[in-house]
């Protein structure tokens, strides 16, 4: 196990370098940060030249990337165009989005797996057909439509929750945004669990467990569910980074000042240091989540061994 973890960590290095360089290239090579800083106004040539020197924009793209990588290892992700350090923006944005993502993941795990188990054990019955149709509707409807509808119903009409989230973003106010963020992924988790459960109910080890006279609950929890969760865990693990990076729509609907909000503002204003810094952290989240998912395989299935 230890050698496997070390090997995976070493494999993450070229992936991280390649991903961050691609992001850096797209942001800095395909746009002019100085022009974006001044907007429609024509900058003073001397001022523009000074900014280019400060941002190392006169250097080659490779040199700029090496300077950026050297700085981030010292904790310096650059300075946004408003003069605020990118690390300061991260310090206020990431805790909010992490709480929102955790709420969404809890909805995925609890509701998605529960519905998947129920429909998988009752394949072909009315409850199975109804849940499949419901998940298909959820997947088909865009997130911004679902978000505004649920915000209107629960926040405006029923007043069960605030229509928008306060700046402190306590967990109680993130329940509705978390549900909106999780809905599409929840539908996929339900369908994945259902398919896996339905296939494994016909497996030899399940028939053997039933023939031995084991209680139905033990057969489902200890044998059937445990082996059926591997594809589900794979999806949820890779979905964590997608939820954090894809929360732009949800955070805009509920006025949440998290990672999605900062990325939206950075893209809108072509604020290159903000966009590159935030996406760099999201790349690390993707890599770490994938590593943890691989390690969970051995927990779910004892037959899996890492050398």
Protein backbone atom coordinates (compact mmCIF):
# COMPACT_ATOMS: atom_id res chain seq x y z
CA UNK A 1 0.00 0.00 0.00
CA UNK A 2 2.77 2.44 0.92
CA UNK A 3 4.63 1.90 -2.34
CA UNK A 4 1.38 2.32 -4.28
CA UNK A 5 0.66 5.65 -2.57
CA UNK A 6 4.18 6.90 -3.27
CA UNK A 7 3.89 5.83 -6.91
CA UNK A 8 0.55 7.59 -7.27
CA UNK A 9 1.92 10.76 -5.68
CA UNK A 10 4.81 10.74 -8.14
CA UNK A 11 2.37 10.25 -11.03
CA UNK A 12 0.41 13.27 -9.83
CA UNK A 13 3.40 15.58 -10.36
CA UNK A 14 3.43 15.56 -14.21
CA UNK A 15 -0.38 15.68 -14.25
CA UNK A 16 -0.33 18.74 -11.99
CA UNK A 17 2.38 20.45 -14.05
CA UNK A 18 0.64 19.71 -17.35
CA UNK A 19 -2.78 20.85 -16.10
CA UNK A 20 -1.55 24.07 -14.54
CA UNK A 21 0.58 24.93 -17.58
CA UNK A 22 -2.43 24.44 -19.88
CA UNK A 23 -4.52 26.70 -17.67
CA UNK A 24 -1.73 29.26 -17.46
CA UNK A 25 -1.28 29.19 -21.24
CA UNK A 26 -4.98 29.65 -21.98
CA UNK A 27 -5.36 32.56 -19.56
CA UNK A 28 -2.16 34.48 -20.28
CA UNK A 29 -1.48 33.67 -23.93
CA UNK A 30 -5.03 34.13 -25.20
CA UNK A 31 -5.68 37.47 -23.52
CA UNK A 32 -4.00 40.69 -22.45
CA UNK A 33 -4.21 41.15 -18.66
CA UNK A 34 -3.10 44.79 -18.89
CA UNK A 35 -5.83 45.66 -21.38
CA UNK A 36 -8.37 43.88 -19.17
CA UNK A 37 -7.16 45.84 -16.15
CA UNK A 38 -7.96 49.19 -17.77
CA UNK A 39 -11.09 48.07 -19.62
CA UNK A 40 -12.24 50.58 -22.24
CA UNK A 41 -9.78 53.23 -21.09
CA UNK A 42 -6.48 53.58 -22.89
CA UNK A 43 -3.68 53.04 -20.35
CA UNK A 44 -0.76 55.41 -20.06
CA UNK A 45 2.16 53.78 -21.93
CA UNK A 46 4.55 54.23 -19.01
CA UNK A 47 2.04 52.78 -16.55
CA UNK A 48 1.28 49.84 -18.84
CA UNK A 49 5.00 49.15 -19.27
CA UNK A 50 5.53 49.21 -15.49
CA UNK A 51 2.65 46.78 -14.93
CA UNK A 52 4.05 44.44 -17.58
CA UNK A 53 7.41 44.47 -15.83
CA UNK A 54 5.81 43.83 -12.43
CA UNK A 55 3.76 40.93 -13.81
CA UNK A 56 6.71 39.59 -15.86
CA UNK A 57 4.57 39.82 -19.00
CA UNK A 58 7.59 40.80 -21.07
CA UNK A 59 9.17 37.41 -20.36
CA UNK A 60 8.43 34.33 -22.40
CA UNK A 61 5.42 32.23 -21.42
CA UNK A 62 7.67 29.46 -20.12
CA UNK A 63 9.57 31.88 -17.89
CA UNK A 64 6.31 33.34 -16.60
CA UNK A 65 5.08 29.85 -15.73
CA UNK A 66 8.30 28.96 -13.90
CA UNK A 67 8.04 32.18 -11.88
CA UNK A 68 4.41 31.36 -11.05
CA UNK A 69 5.25 27.80 -9.94
CA UNK A 70 8.14 29.04 -7.83
CA UNK A 71 5.88 31.56 -6.13
CA UNK A 72 3.02 29.17 -5.35
CA UNK A 73 5.38 26.83 -3.52
CA UNK A 74 6.07 29.75 -1.20
CA UNK A 75 2.35 30.40 -0.80
CA UNK A 76 2.23 33.38 -3.17
CA UNK A 77 -0.55 33.02 -5.76
CA UNK A 78 -0.19 36.57 -7.00
CA UNK A 79 -2.26 39.70 -6.58
CA UNK A 80 -5.66 40.38 -8.09
CA UNK A 81 -6.15 43.51 -10.17
CA UNK A 82 -7.98 45.17 -7.27
CA UNK A 83 -4.77 44.96 -5.23
CA UNK A 84 -5.99 42.14 -2.98
CA UNK A 85 -3.85 39.03 -2.60
CA UNK A 86 -5.30 35.95 -4.29
CA UNK A 87 -4.63 33.94 -1.12
CA UNK A 88 -6.88 36.37 0.76
CA UNK A 89 -9.68 35.76 -1.75
CA UNK A 90 -9.14 32.02 -1.37
CA UNK A 91 -9.31 32.30 2.41
CA UNK A 92 -12.80 33.79 2.21
CA UNK A 93 -14.11 31.77 -0.75
CA UNK A 94 -12.95 28.19 -0.21
CA UNK A 95 -14.43 27.63 3.28
CA UNK A 96 -17.87 28.61 1.96
CA UNK A 97 -17.64 26.40 -1.11
CA UNK A 98 -16.24 23.49 0.91
CA UNK A 99 -19.28 23.65 3.22
CA UNK A 100 -21.59 23.86 0.21
CA UNK A 101 -19.84 20.90 -1.44
CA UNK A 102 -20.04 18.80 1.73
CA UNK A 103 -23.79 19.46 1.96
CA UNK A 104 -24.17 18.45 -1.69
CA UNK A 105 -22.11 15.27 -1.21
CA UNK A 106 -24.22 14.29 1.82
CA UNK A 107 -27.36 14.63 -0.31
CA UNK A 108 -25.74 12.52 -3.03
CA UNK A 109 -24.63 9.77 -0.67
CA UNK A 110 -27.70 9.53 1.57
CA UNK A 111 -30.54 10.11 -0.91
CA UNK A 112 -28.85 8.86 -4.08
CA UNK A 113 -27.61 5.55 -2.66
CA UNK A 114 -30.85 4.94 -0.74
CA UNK A 115 -32.98 5.46 -3.85
CA UNK A 116 -30.57 3.34 -5.89
CA UNK A 117 -30.79 0.43 -3.44
CA UNK A 118 -34.60 0.58 -3.29
CA UNK A 119 -35.02 0.69 -7.06
CA UNK A 120 -32.29 -1.89 -7.69
CA UNK A 121 -34.00 -4.39 -5.39
CA UNK A 122 -37.38 -3.66 -7.00
CA UNK A 123 -36.30 -3.53 -10.62
CA UNK A 124 -39.24 -3.30 -13.04
CA UNK A 125 -41.78 -2.36 -10.37
CA UNK A 126 -43.70 0.95 -10.29
CA UNK A 127 -41.33 2.52 -7.73
CA UNK A 128 -38.39 1.71 -10.01
CA UNK A 129 -40.08 3.21 -13.05
CA UNK A 130 -41.13 6.32 -11.13
CA UNK A 131 -37.66 7.02 -9.75
CA UNK A 132 -36.06 6.47 -13.18
CA UNK A 133 -38.46 8.97 -14.75
CA UNK A 134 -37.80 11.45 -11.94
CA UNK A 135 -34.02 11.18 -12.34
CA UNK A 136 -34.36 11.62 -16.09
CA UNK A 137 -36.33 14.84 -15.55
CA UNK A 138 -33.72 16.11 -13.05
CA UNK A 139 -30.88 15.41 -15.48
CA UNK A 140 -32.75 17.08 -18.36
CA UNK A 141 -33.62 20.33 -16.56
CA UNK A 142 -30.75 22.89 -16.42
CA UNK A 143 -29.41 23.77 -12.98
CA UNK A 144 -30.31 27.45 -13.28
CA UNK A 145 -33.96 26.53 -13.90
CA UNK A 146 -34.08 24.12 -10.96
CA UNK A 147 -32.32 26.64 -8.73
CA UNK A 148 -34.70 29.51 -9.45
CA UNK A 149 -37.79 27.27 -9.13
CA UNK A 150 -36.74 25.85 -5.76
CA UNK A 151 -35.63 29.28 -4.57
CA UNK A 152 -39.07 30.69 -5.44
CA UNK A 153 -40.99 27.79 -3.86
CA UNK A 154 -39.05 27.32 -0.61
CA UNK A 155 -37.59 30.80 -0.19
CA UNK A 156 -40.29 33.15 -1.48
CA UNK A 157 -43.61 31.30 -1.27
CA UNK A 158 -43.17 28.94 1.67
CA UNK A 159 -40.48 30.99 3.46
CA UNK A 160 -38.83 27.81 4.76
CA UNK A 161 -35.42 29.26 4.01
CA UNK A 162 -33.87 32.58 3.03
CA UNK A 163 -33.98 33.30 -0.73
CA UNK A 164 -30.28 34.19 -0.61
CA UNK A 165 -27.42 33.17 1.64
CA UNK A 166 -25.82 35.58 4.12
CA UNK A 167 -22.07 36.35 3.80
CA UNK A 168 -21.18 34.02 6.70
CA UNK A 169 -23.00 31.15 4.89
CA UNK A 170 -23.91 28.90 7.85
CA UNK A 171 -24.70 25.28 7.05
CA UNK A 172 -28.41 25.78 7.72
CA UNK A 173 -28.68 28.34 4.92
CA UNK A 174 -26.71 26.08 2.55
CA UNK A 175 -29.19 23.20 2.60
CA UNK A 176 -31.27 24.45 -0.33
CA UNK A 177 -28.26 25.57 -2.44
CA UNK A 178 -26.57 22.26 -1.61
CA UNK A 179 -29.61 20.36 -2.84
CA UNK A 180 -29.68 22.40 -6.06
CA UNK A 181 -25.97 21.80 -6.60
CA UNK A 182 -26.32 18.07 -5.92
CA UNK A 183 -29.51 17.31 -7.88
CA UNK A 184 -27.95 16.26 -11.20
CA UNK A 185 -25.16 14.26 -9.52
CA UNK A 186 -27.72 12.75 -7.14
CA UNK A 187 -29.70 11.49 -10.12
CA UNK A 188 -26.58 9.88 -11.61
CA UNK A 189 -25.69 8.28 -8.25
CA UNK A 190 -29.20 6.85 -8.05
CA UNK A 191 -29.02 5.35 -11.52
CA UNK A 192 -25.48 4.00 -10.99
CA UNK A 193 -26.42 2.39 -7.68
CA UNK A 194 -29.61 0.92 -9.14
CA UNK A 195 -27.77 -0.64 -12.08
CA UNK A 196 -24.99 -2.03 -9.91
CA UNK A 197 -27.41 -3.45 -7.32
CA UNK A 198 -29.61 -5.02 -10.00
CA UNK A 199 -26.61 -6.70 -11.65
CA UNK A 200 -25.08 -8.00 -8.41
CA UNK A 201 -28.33 -9.48 -7.10
CA UNK A 202 -27.80 -12.27 -9.65
CA UNK A 203 -24.15 -12.85 -8.64
CA UNK A 204 -23.05 -16.20 -7.23
CA UNK A 205 -21.85 -14.78 -3.91
CA UNK A 206 -25.30 -13.27 -3.24
CA UNK A 207 -27.07 -16.57 -3.99
CA UNK A 208 -24.59 -18.36 -1.75
CA UNK A 209 -25.19 -15.94 1.11
CA UNK A 210 -28.96 -16.38 0.76
CA UNK A 211 -28.60 -20.19 0.60
CA UNK A 212 -26.63 -20.12 3.88
CA UNK A 213 -29.65 -18.54 5.54
CA UNK A 214 -28.10 -15.14 6.29
CA UNK A 215 -30.60 -12.37 7.18
CA UNK A 216 -31.68 -10.26 4.23
CA UNK A 217 -30.35 -7.05 5.81
CA UNK A 218 -26.90 -8.58 6.26
CA UNK A 219 -26.88 -9.90 2.69
CA UNK A 220 -27.75 -6.45 1.36
CA UNK A 221 -25.42 -4.38 3.57
CA UNK A 222 -22.40 -6.66 3.99
CA UNK A 223 -22.33 -8.35 0.59
CA UNK A 224 -24.53 -6.75 -2.05
CA UNK A 225 -24.16 -3.04 -1.23
CA UNK A 226 -20.47 -3.18 -0.40
CA UNK A 227 -19.54 -4.65 -3.79
CA UNK A 228 -22.00 -2.45 -5.66
CA UNK A 229 -20.56 0.82 -4.34
CA UNK A 230 -17.27 0.75 -6.27
CA UNK A 231 -18.57 2.55 -9.41
CA UNK A 232 -20.60 4.89 -7.20
CA UNK A 233 -17.57 5.83 -5.10
CA UNK A 234 -15.61 6.44 -8.30
CA UNK A 235 -18.26 8.87 -9.52
CA UNK A 236 -18.61 10.70 -6.19
CA UNK A 237 -14.85 11.04 -5.80
CA UNK A 238 -14.40 12.65 -9.19
CA UNK A 239 -17.55 14.70 -8.67
CA UNK A 240 -16.18 16.54 -5.63
CA UNK A 241 -13.87 18.69 -7.72
CA UNK A 242 -16.61 19.19 -10.31
CA UNK A 243 -19.01 20.39 -7.62
CA UNK A 244 -16.50 22.91 -6.27
CA UNK A 245 -15.58 24.23 -9.69
CA UNK A 246 -19.06 23.96 -11.16
CA UNK A 247 -20.85 25.86 -8.40
CA UNK A 248 -20.80 29.09 -10.43
CA UNK A 249 -24.49 28.92 -11.36
CA UNK A 250 -25.68 27.86 -7.90
CA UNK A 251 -23.59 30.49 -6.12
CA UNK A 252 -24.86 33.20 -8.45
CA UNK A 253 -28.49 32.20 -7.85
CA UNK A 254 -28.18 32.25 -4.05
CA UNK A 255 -25.62 35.09 -3.87
CA UNK A 256 -22.94 32.90 -2.28
CA UNK A 257 -19.47 34.45 -2.36
CA UNK A 258 -17.53 31.25 -2.82
CA UNK A 259 -15.16 29.77 -5.38
CA UNK A 260 -17.74 29.88 -8.16
CA UNK A 261 -18.45 33.55 -7.49
CA UNK A 262 -14.75 34.47 -7.51
CA UNK A 263 -14.14 32.48 -10.71
CA UNK A 264 -17.09 34.19 -12.37
CA UNK A 265 -15.80 37.62 -11.39
CA UNK A 266 -12.27 36.72 -12.49
CA UNK A 267 -13.41 35.44 -15.89
CA UNK A 268 -15.76 38.39 -16.38
CA UNK A 269 -12.98 40.90 -15.67
CA UNK A 270 -10.21 38.79 -17.23
CA UNK A 271 -8.47 38.81 -13.87
CA UNK A 272 -5.77 36.30 -14.77
CA UNK A 273 -4.08 35.85 -11.33
CA UNK A 274 -7.43 35.06 -9.69
CA UNK A 275 -8.54 32.57 -12.34
CA UNK A 276 -5.18 30.75 -12.51
CA UNK A 277 -4.78 30.63 -8.71
CA UNK A 278 -8.26 29.25 -8.01
CA UNK A 279 -8.11 26.68 -10.81
CA UNK A 280 -4.69 25.52 -9.56
CA UNK A 281 -6.23 24.65 -6.20
CA UNK A 282 -9.13 22.88 -7.96
CA UNK A 283 -6.63 20.74 -9.89
CA UNK A 284 -5.11 19.66 -6.56
CA UNK A 285 -8.61 18.83 -5.26
CA UNK A 286 -9.26 16.61 -8.30
CA UNK A 287 -5.94 14.78 -7.88
CA UNK A 288 -6.33 14.18 -4.15
CA UNK A 289 -9.95 13.05 -4.55
CA UNK A 290 -8.94 10.51 -7.20
CA UNK A 291 -6.18 9.16 -4.95
CA UNK A 292 -8.60 8.75 -2.03
CA UNK A 293 -11.10 6.97 -4.27
CA UNK A 294 -8.47 4.46 -5.36
CA UNK A 295 -7.59 3.77 -1.72
CA UNK A 296 -11.27 3.28 -0.85
CA UNK A 297 -11.50 0.43 -3.36
CA UNK A 298 -9.47 -1.80 -1.03
CA UNK A 299 -11.80 -0.93 1.86
CA UNK A 300 -14.94 -1.80 -0.10
CA UNK A 301 -13.54 -4.93 -1.73
CA UNK A 302 -10.93 -6.89 0.31
CA UNK A 303 -9.93 -8.77 -2.84
CA UNK A 304 -8.28 -5.61 -4.18
CA UNK A 305 -4.65 -5.33 -3.15
CA UNK A 306 -2.16 -2.61 -4.04
CA UNK A 307 1.47 -3.53 -4.49
